[in-house]
C-alpha cells in the first residue's frame, strides 16, 4: 500500500487562521503525502501564510471546482484526495484510502462527522450515511478521493464554481467506477450551520441540489450560495 502515492488538494479561501493546522495534521499522519493548497484569492492571502516549504502553493479563480482542477494539473499522486480546509481527517485517513484503493475501490469518501455535539447533527450524519450507501453520492466535505485513472475516465474535476462534488460523483458513477464509503468519520466544522441555522442551511442545501439537478447553471447557484 505504501506504493500508492497520495496528493492532497486543499481549495482555500480566507483560511489564513487555520491552514497551517490543517497541513500539520496531514503531515503528522502521512509525511510522504504531497500537499497542494489552491487559493481562491488570486492575491494569495491564504497561501502566503503557509509555513511548511514543502507545500505546493497555487492560486486559481474562486470556486472549488476551478481550484481543485488547477491542483490536479500539478498533482503527481496516483490517488487524489480533495479536502476542504475546514475538515479534519481521522488519524489513519491516508492508510484507509490506500487500503481501499488496493482492495479495488476507484473512488470514495469518509463518513461525515460534524464538529458539534447537538443531536440534530447526529441525525444529519446518519442521513448522509444512508445517501452514500444507497446512491454513492458523497459531498466534498466528506473528503472525496479517487484514483488518477478514475478521474481521467470521468473527464477530470469539473471546473464549475459550485456542485463540483455532485457532478464529479455523477460522472464517476456513469463511468462504472467502484465506490467505497470508508468507516471512519471526517470531522467537518459546523460553522455554516451555526451561522445560518441548522434547518435553514439544510433546506438551502437541498434547494441548491434540486436546482442543479434540474439544469440551473452552477454560476447562478454560486451567486445564491455566497
C-alpha atoms as a PDB file:
ATOM      1  CA  UNK A   1       0.000   0.000   0.000  1.00  0.00           C
ATOM      2  CA  UNK A   2       2.893   2.365   0.609  1.00  0.00           C
ATOM      3  CA  UNK A   3       3.495   2.321  -3.148  1.00  0.00           C
ATOM      4  CA  UNK A   4       0.232   4.218  -3.737  1.00  0.00           C
ATOM      5  CA  UNK A   5       1.252   7.864  -3.686  1.00  0.00           C
ATOM      6  CA  UNK A   6      -1.349  10.350  -2.468  1.00  0.00           C
ATOM      7  CA  UNK A   7      -1.746  14.012  -3.379  1.00  0.00           C
ATOM      8  CA  UNK A   8      -3.960  16.058  -1.046  1.00  0.00           C
ATOM      9  CA  UNK A   9      -5.530  19.086  -2.722  1.00  0.00           C
ATOM     10  CA  UNK A  10      -6.981  21.746  -0.437  1.00  0.00           C
ATOM     11  CA  UNK A  11      -9.065  24.520  -2.026  1.00  0.00           C
ATOM     12  CA  UNK A  12      -8.961  27.500   0.311  1.00  0.00           C
ATOM     13  CA  UNK A  13     -10.363  30.996   0.574  1.00  0.00           C
ATOM     14  CA  UNK A  14      -9.649  33.318   3.501  1.00  0.00           C
ATOM     15  CA  UNK A  15      -8.368  30.413   5.609  1.00  0.00           C
ATOM     16  CA  UNK A  16      -5.265  32.128   6.995  1.00  0.00           C
ATOM     17  CA  UNK A  17      -6.121  31.256  10.579  1.00  0.00           C
ATOM     18  CA  UNK A  18      -6.470  27.515  10.068  1.00  0.00           C
ATOM     19  CA  UNK A  19      -4.462  26.446   7.025  1.00  0.00           C
ATOM     20  CA  UNK A  20      -1.222  25.675   8.882  1.00  0.00           C
ATOM     21  CA  UNK A  21      -3.093  23.493  11.366  1.00  0.00           C
ATOM     22  CA  UNK A  22      -4.696  21.539   8.514  1.00  0.00           C
ATOM     23  CA  UNK A  23      -1.295  20.983   6.913  1.00  0.00           C
ATOM     24  CA  UNK A  24       0.339  19.934  10.185  1.00  0.00           C
ATOM     25  CA  UNK A  25      -2.299  17.274  10.846  1.00  0.00           C
ATOM     26  CA  UNK A  26      -1.804  15.785   7.384  1.00  0.00           C
ATOM     27  CA  UNK A  27       1.984  15.710   7.620  1.00  0.00           C
ATOM     28  CA  UNK A  28       1.865  14.150  11.099  1.00  0.00           C
ATOM     29  CA  UNK A  29      -0.346  11.308   9.848  1.00  0.00           C
ATOM     30  CA  UNK A  30       1.301  10.832   6.457  1.00  0.00           C
ATOM     31  CA  UNK A  31       4.586  12.695   5.979  1.00  0.00           C
ATOM     32  CA  UNK A  32       5.012  11.201   2.498  1.00  0.00           C
ATOM     33  CA  UNK A  33       1.885  12.844   1.063  1.00  0.00           C
ATOM     34  CA  UNK A  34       2.107  15.618  -1.481  1.00  0.00           C
ATOM     35  CA  UNK A  35       0.081  18.608  -0.263  1.00  0.00           C
ATOM     36  CA  UNK A  36      -1.236  21.250  -2.647  1.00  0.00           C
ATOM     37  CA  UNK A  37      -3.112  24.325  -1.413  1.00  0.00           C
ATOM     38  CA  UNK A  38      -5.020  26.255  -4.077  1.00  0.00           C
ATOM     39  CA  UNK A  39      -6.043  29.749  -3.020  1.00  0.00           C
ATOM     40  CA  UNK A  40      -9.271  31.126  -4.465  1.00  0.00           C
ATOM     41  CA  UNK A  41      -7.920  34.622  -3.869  1.00  0.00           C
ATOM     42  CA  UNK A  42      -5.570  35.444  -6.746  1.00  0.00           C
ATOM     43  CA  UNK A  43      -3.644  37.705  -4.357  1.00  0.00           C
ATOM     44  CA  UNK A  44      -2.717  34.611  -2.353  1.00  0.00           C
ATOM     45  CA  UNK A  45      -3.847  35.776   1.072  1.00  0.00           C
ATOM     46  CA  UNK A  46      -4.101  32.192   2.381  1.00  0.00           C
ATOM     47  CA  UNK A  47      -1.088  30.594   0.721  1.00  0.00           C
ATOM     48  CA  UNK A  48       1.137  33.496   1.782  1.00  0.00           C
ATOM     49  CA  UNK A  49       0.722  32.384   5.414  1.00  0.00           C
ATOM     50  CA  UNK A  50       1.808  28.743   4.874  1.00  0.00           C
ATOM     51  CA  UNK A  51       4.949  27.985   6.853  1.00  0.00           C
ATOM     52  CA  UNK A  52       5.760  24.492   5.500  1.00  0.00           C
ATOM     53  CA  UNK A  53       8.044  24.984   2.492  1.00  0.00           C
ATOM     54  CA  UNK A  54       7.206  21.521   1.135  1.00  0.00           C
ATOM     55  CA  UNK A  55       3.620  22.533   0.398  1.00  0.00           C
ATOM     56  CA  UNK A  56       2.841  23.389  -3.232  1.00  0.00           C
ATOM     57  CA  UNK A  57       1.044  26.735  -3.360  1.00  0.00           C
ATOM     58  CA  UNK A  58      -1.198  27.785  -6.225  1.00  0.00           C
ATOM     59  CA  UNK A  59      -3.831  30.407  -6.919  1.00  0.00           C
ATOM     60  CA  UNK A  60      -6.846  29.931  -9.189  1.00  0.00           C
ATOM     61  CA  UNK A  61     -10.165  31.674  -9.872  1.00  0.00           C
ATOM     62  CA  UNK A  62     -12.535  31.322  -6.936  1.00  0.00           C
ATOM     63  CA  UNK A  63     -14.734  28.216  -6.893  1.00  0.00           C
ATOM     64  CA  UNK A  64     -13.807  24.795  -5.565  1.00  0.00           C
ATOM     65  CA  UNK A  65     -14.130  23.162  -8.968  1.00  0.00           C
ATOM     66  CA  UNK A  66     -11.702  25.654 -10.507  1.00  0.00           C
ATOM     67  CA  UNK A  67      -9.297  25.344  -7.602  1.00  0.00           C
ATOM     68  CA  UNK A  68      -9.365  21.550  -7.396  1.00  0.00           C
ATOM     69  CA  UNK A  69      -8.902  21.214 -11.141  1.00  0.00           C
ATOM     70  CA  UNK A  70      -5.884  23.531 -11.006  1.00  0.00           C
ATOM     71  CA  UNK A  71      -4.449  21.451  -8.187  1.00  0.00           C
ATOM     72  CA  UNK A  72      -4.945  18.212 -10.092  1.00  0.00           C
ATOM     73  CA  UNK A  73      -2.966  19.595 -13.037  1.00  0.00           C
ATOM     74  CA  UNK A  74       0.024  19.907 -10.705  1.00  0.00           C
ATOM     75  CA  UNK A  75      -0.526  16.794  -8.572  1.00  0.00           C
ATOM     76  CA  UNK A  76       1.745  13.793  -9.060  1.00  0.00           C
ATOM     77  CA  UNK A  77      -0.029  11.218  -6.850  1.00  0.00           C
ATOM     78  CA  UNK A  78      -1.696   8.039  -8.048  1.00  0.00           C
ATOM     79  CA  UNK A  79      -4.555   8.930  -5.682  1.00  0.00           C
ATOM     80  CA  UNK A  80      -6.100  12.382  -5.351  1.00  0.00           C
ATOM     81  CA  UNK A  81      -7.742  13.408  -2.066  1.00  0.00           C
ATOM     82  CA  UNK A  82      -9.887  16.545  -2.160  1.00  0.00           C
ATOM     83  CA  UNK A  83     -10.024  18.081   1.302  1.00  0.00           C
ATOM     84  CA  UNK A  84     -11.906  21.150   2.488  1.00  0.00           C
ATOM     85  CA  UNK A  85      -9.874  23.490   4.667  1.00  0.00           C
ATOM     86  CA  UNK A  86     -12.432  23.280   7.491  1.00  0.00           C
ATOM     87  CA  UNK A  87     -12.428  19.465   7.587  1.00  0.00           C
ATOM     88  CA  UNK A  88     -10.171  17.352   9.792  1.00  0.00           C
ATOM     89  CA  UNK A  89      -9.050  13.923   8.648  1.00  0.00           C
ATOM     90  CA  UNK A  90      -9.080  10.945  11.035  1.00  0.00           C
ATOM     91  CA  UNK A  91      -5.600   9.862  12.102  1.00  0.00           C
ATOM     92  CA  UNK A  92      -5.411   6.817   9.831  1.00  0.00           C
ATOM     93  CA  UNK A  93      -7.056   8.521   6.853  1.00  0.00           C
ATOM     94  CA  UNK A  94      -4.313   8.076   4.280  1.00  0.00           C
ATOM     95  CA  UNK A  95      -3.741   4.418   5.171  1.00  0.00           C
ATOM     96  CA  UNK A  96      -7.502   3.817   4.922  1.00  0.00           C
ATOM     97  CA  UNK A  97      -7.602   5.389   1.464  1.00  0.00           C
ATOM     98  CA  UNK A  98      -4.617   3.395   0.252  1.00  0.00           C
ATOM     99  CA  UNK A  99      -6.139   0.186   1.599  1.00  0.00           C
ATOM    100  CA  UNK A 100      -9.488   0.874  -0.094  1.00  0.00           C
ATOM    101  CA  UNK A 101      -7.822   1.501  -3.452  1.00  0.00           C
ATOM    102  CA  UNK A 102      -5.580  -1.541  -3.070  1.00  0.00           C
ATOM    103  CA  UNK A 103      -8.741  -3.594  -2.446  1.00  0.00           C
ATOM    104  CA  UNK A 104     -10.338  -2.422  -5.688  1.00  0.00           C
ATOM    105  CA  UNK A 105     -12.065   0.903  -4.968  1.00  0.00           C
ATOM    106  CA  UNK A 106     -11.755   3.517  -7.711  1.00  0.00           C
ATOM    107  CA  UNK A 107     -13.066   6.351  -5.591  1.00  0.00           C
ATOM    108  CA  UNK A 108     -14.773   7.000  -2.282  1.00  0.00           C
ATOM    109  CA  UNK A 109     -15.170   9.225   0.744  1.00  0.00           C
ATOM    110  CA  UNK A 110     -15.238   9.220   4.522  1.00  0.00           C
ATOM    111  CA  UNK A 111     -18.428   9.179   6.509  1.00  0.00           C
ATOM    112  CA  UNK A 112     -19.475  12.671   7.543  1.00  0.00           C
ATOM    113  CA  UNK A 113     -18.821  13.879  11.066  1.00  0.00           C
ATOM    114  CA  UNK A 114     -19.923  17.346  12.188  1.00  0.00           C
ATOM    115  CA  UNK A 115     -17.943  19.163  14.864  1.00  0.00           C
ATOM    116  CA  UNK A 116     -20.917  19.886  17.120  1.00  0.00           C
ATOM    117  CA  UNK A 117     -22.368  17.836  19.972  1.00  0.00           C
ATOM    118  CA  UNK A 118     -26.040  18.568  19.308  1.00  0.00           C
ATOM    119  CA  UNK A 119     -28.210  15.566  18.465  1.00  0.00           C
ATOM    120  CA  UNK A 120     -29.501  17.158  15.272  1.00  0.00           C
ATOM    121  CA  UNK A 121     -26.052  16.714  13.752  1.00  0.00           C
ATOM    122  CA  UNK A 122     -26.053  13.015  14.579  1.00  0.00           C
ATOM    123  CA  UNK A 123     -29.277  12.781  12.560  1.00  0.00           C
ATOM    124  CA  UNK A 124     -27.651  14.670   9.684  1.00  0.00           C
ATOM    125  CA  UNK A 125     -24.650  12.330   9.811  1.00  0.00           C
ATOM    126  CA  UNK A 126     -26.831   9.211   9.642  1.00  0.00           C
ATOM    127  CA  UNK A 127     -28.855  10.693   6.796  1.00  0.00           C
ATOM    128  CA  UNK A 128     -25.657  11.342   4.838  1.00  0.00           C
ATOM    129  CA  UNK A 129     -24.501   7.778   5.570  1.00  0.00           C
ATOM    130  CA  UNK A 130     -27.736   6.474   4.068  1.00  0.00           C
ATOM    131  CA  UNK A 131     -27.473   8.699   0.993  1.00  0.00           C
ATOM    132  CA  UNK A 132     -23.945   7.479   0.337  1.00  0.00           C
ATOM    133  CA  UNK A 133     -24.779   3.807   0.828  1.00  0.00           C
ATOM    134  CA  UNK A 134     -27.889   3.957  -1.360  1.00  0.00           C
ATOM    135  CA  UNK A 135     -26.782   6.339  -4.095  1.00  0.00           C
ATOM    136  CA  UNK A 136     -22.947   6.671  -3.831  1.00  0.00           C
ATOM    137  CA  UNK A 137     -23.300  10.460  -3.626  1.00  0.00           C
ATOM    138  CA  UNK A 138     -20.837  11.939  -1.131  1.00  0.00           C
ATOM    139  CA  UNK A 139     -20.295  15.685  -0.848  1.00  0.00           C
ATOM    140  CA  UNK A 140     -16.966  17.469  -0.777  1.00  0.00           C
ATOM    141  CA  UNK A 141     -16.940  17.945   2.990  1.00  0.00           C
ATOM    142  CA  UNK A 142     -16.550  14.155   3.305  1.00  0.00           C
ATOM    143  CA  UNK A 143     -13.073  14.150   1.789  1.00  0.00           C
ATOM    144  CA  UNK A 144     -13.640  12.621  -1.644  1.00  0.00           C
ATOM    145  CA  UNK A 145     -10.741  10.609  -3.029  1.00  0.00           C
ATOM    146  CA  UNK A 146     -10.216   8.959  -6.407  1.00  0.00           C
ATOM    147  CA  UNK A 147      -7.507   7.229  -8.328  1.00  0.00           C
ATOM    148  CA  UNK A 148      -5.961   9.298 -11.101  1.00  0.00           C
ATOM    149  CA  UNK A 149      -7.192   6.685 -13.587  1.00  0.00           C
ATOM    150  CA  UNK A 150     -10.797   7.043 -12.390  1.00  0.00           C
ATOM    151  CA  UNK A 151     -10.632  10.840 -12.519  1.00  0.00           C
ATOM    152  CA  UNK A 152      -9.245  10.734 -16.047  1.00  0.00           C
ATOM    153  CA  UNK A 153     -12.042   8.388 -17.132  1.00  0.00           C
ATOM    154  CA  UNK A 154     -14.586  10.846 -15.701  1.00  0.00           C
ATOM    155  CA  UNK A 155     -13.035  13.797 -17.519  1.00  0.00           C
ATOM    156  CA  UNK A 156     -11.207  15.249 -14.533  1.00  0.00           C
ATOM    157  CA  UNK A 157     -12.568  17.504 -11.815  1.00  0.00           C
ATOM    158  CA  UNK A 158     -15.399  19.683 -13.179  1.00  0.00           C
ATOM    159  CA  UNK A 159     -14.378  23.336 -13.494  1.00  0.00           C
ATOM    160  CA  UNK A 160     -17.585  24.727 -12.064  1.00  0.00           C
ATOM    161  CA  UNK A 161     -17.901  27.126  -9.096  1.00  0.00           C
ATOM    162  CA  UNK A 162     -20.410  25.030  -7.143  1.00  0.00           C
ATOM    163  CA  UNK A 163     -21.692  21.436  -7.101  1.00  0.00           C
ATOM    164  CA  UNK A 164     -18.381  20.153  -8.468  1.00  0.00           C
ATOM    165  CA  UNK A 165     -18.563  17.348  -5.892  1.00  0.00           C
ATOM    166  CA  UNK A 166     -22.005  16.194  -7.031  1.00  0.00           C
ATOM    167  CA  UNK A 167     -21.110  16.470 -10.722  1.00  0.00           C
ATOM    168  CA  UNK A 168     -17.899  14.512 -10.175  1.00  0.00           C
ATOM    169  CA  UNK A 169     -19.765  11.764  -8.315  1.00  0.00           C
ATOM    170  CA  UNK A 170     -22.358  11.519 -11.095  1.00  0.00           C
ATOM    171  CA  UNK A 171     -19.636  11.261 -13.745  1.00  0.00           C
ATOM    172  CA  UNK A 172     -17.724   8.604 -11.817  1.00  0.00           C
ATOM    173  CA  UNK A 173     -20.915   6.585 -11.394  1.00  0.00           C
ATOM    174  CA  UNK A 174     -21.715   6.846 -15.113  1.00  0.00           C
ATOM    175  CA  UNK A 175     -18.242   5.508 -15.880  1.00  0.00           C
ATOM    176  CA  UNK A 176     -18.876   2.492 -13.639  1.00  0.00           C
ATOM    177  CA  UNK A 177     -16.120   3.402 -11.164  1.00  0.00           C
ATOM    178  CA  UNK A 178     -16.315   1.440  -7.897  1.00  0.00           C
ATOM    179  CA  UNK A 179     -17.242   3.482  -4.814  1.00  0.00           C
ATOM    180  CA  UNK A 180     -16.159   2.857  -1.205  1.00  0.00           C
ATOM    181  CA  UNK A 181     -17.603   4.576   1.866  1.00  0.00           C
ATOM    182  CA  UNK A 182     -14.879   4.383   4.498  1.00  0.00           C
ATOM    183  CA  UNK A 183     -15.806   3.539   8.079  1.00  0.00           C
ATOM    184  CA  UNK A 184     -14.013   6.458   9.719  1.00  0.00           C
ATOM    185  CA  UNK A 185     -15.676   9.838  10.044  1.00  0.00           C
ATOM    186  CA  UNK A 186     -14.064  13.031   8.868  1.00  0.00           C
ATOM    187  CA  UNK A 187     -14.648  15.975  11.220  1.00  0.00           C
ATOM    188  CA  UNK A 188     -16.198  18.959   9.474  1.00  0.00           C
ATOM    189  CA  UNK A 189     -16.747  22.371  11.049  1.00  0.00           C
ATOM    190  CA  UNK A 190     -20.354  23.274  11.746  1.00  0.00           C
ATOM    191  CA  UNK A 191     -19.773  26.976  11.149  1.00  0.00           C
ATOM    192  CA  UNK A 192     -22.153  27.332   8.189  1.00  0.00           C
ATOM    193  CA  UNK A 193     -24.944  25.563  10.091  1.00  0.00           C
ATOM    194  CA  UNK A 194     -24.272  27.743  13.136  1.00  0.00           C
ATOM    195  CA  UNK A 195     -24.274  30.899  11.039  1.00  0.00           C
ATOM    196  CA  UNK A 196     -27.461  30.167   9.083  1.00  0.00           C
ATOM    197  CA  UNK A 197     -29.288  27.835  11.450  1.00  0.00           C
ATOM    198  CA  UNK A 198     -29.482  24.082  11.008  1.00  0.00           C
ATOM    199  CA  UNK A 199     -32.932  23.946   9.434  1.00  0.00           C
ATOM    200  CA  UNK A 200     -32.341  26.880   7.090  1.00  0.00           C
ATOM    201  CA  UNK A 201     -28.935  25.575   5.948  1.00  0.00           C
ATOM    202  CA  UNK A 202     -30.280  22.055   5.350  1.00  0.00           C
ATOM    203  CA  UNK A 203     -33.232  23.316   3.302  1.00  0.00           C
ATOM    204  CA  UNK A 204     -30.916  25.611   1.372  1.00  0.00           C
ATOM    205  CA  UNK A 205     -28.571  22.718   0.543  1.00  0.00           C
ATOM    206  CA  UNK A 206     -31.455  20.585  -0.730  1.00  0.00           C
ATOM    207  CA  UNK A 207     -32.796  23.526  -2.740  1.00  0.00           C
ATOM    208  CA  UNK A 208     -29.409  24.051  -4.406  1.00  0.00           C
ATOM    209  CA  UNK A 209     -29.192  20.323  -5.153  1.00  0.00           C
ATOM    210  CA  UNK A 210     -32.643  20.280  -6.731  1.00  0.00           C
ATOM    211  CA  UNK A 211     -31.921  23.388  -8.796  1.00  0.00           C
ATOM    212  CA  UNK A 212     -28.684  21.882 -10.092  1.00  0.00           C
ATOM    213  CA  UNK A 213     -30.243  18.531 -10.960  1.00  0.00           C
ATOM    214  CA  UNK A 214     -32.976  20.336 -12.896  1.00  0.00           C
ATOM    215  CA  UNK A 215     -30.465  22.217 -15.016  1.00  0.00           C
ATOM    216  CA  UNK A 216     -29.724  25.535 -13.295  1.00  0.00           C
ATOM    217  CA  UNK A 217     -26.344  26.999 -14.276  1.00  0.00           C
ATOM    218  CA  UNK A 218     -23.748  26.486 -11.482  1.00  0.00           C
ATOM    219  CA  UNK A 219     -22.683  30.135 -11.919  1.00  0.00           C
ATOM    220  CA  UNK A 220     -26.178  31.222 -10.947  1.00  0.00           C
ATOM    221  CA  UNK A 221     -26.227  28.865  -7.971  1.00  0.00           C
ATOM    222  CA  UNK A 222     -22.815  30.074  -6.801  1.00  0.00           C
ATOM    223  CA  UNK A 223     -24.162  33.618  -6.619  1.00  0.00           C
ATOM    224  CA  UNK A 224     -27.017  32.380  -4.416  1.00  0.00           C
ATOM    225  CA  UNK A 225     -24.698  30.327  -2.178  1.00  0.00           C
ATOM    226  CA  UNK A 226     -22.246  33.094  -1.274  1.00  0.00           C
END
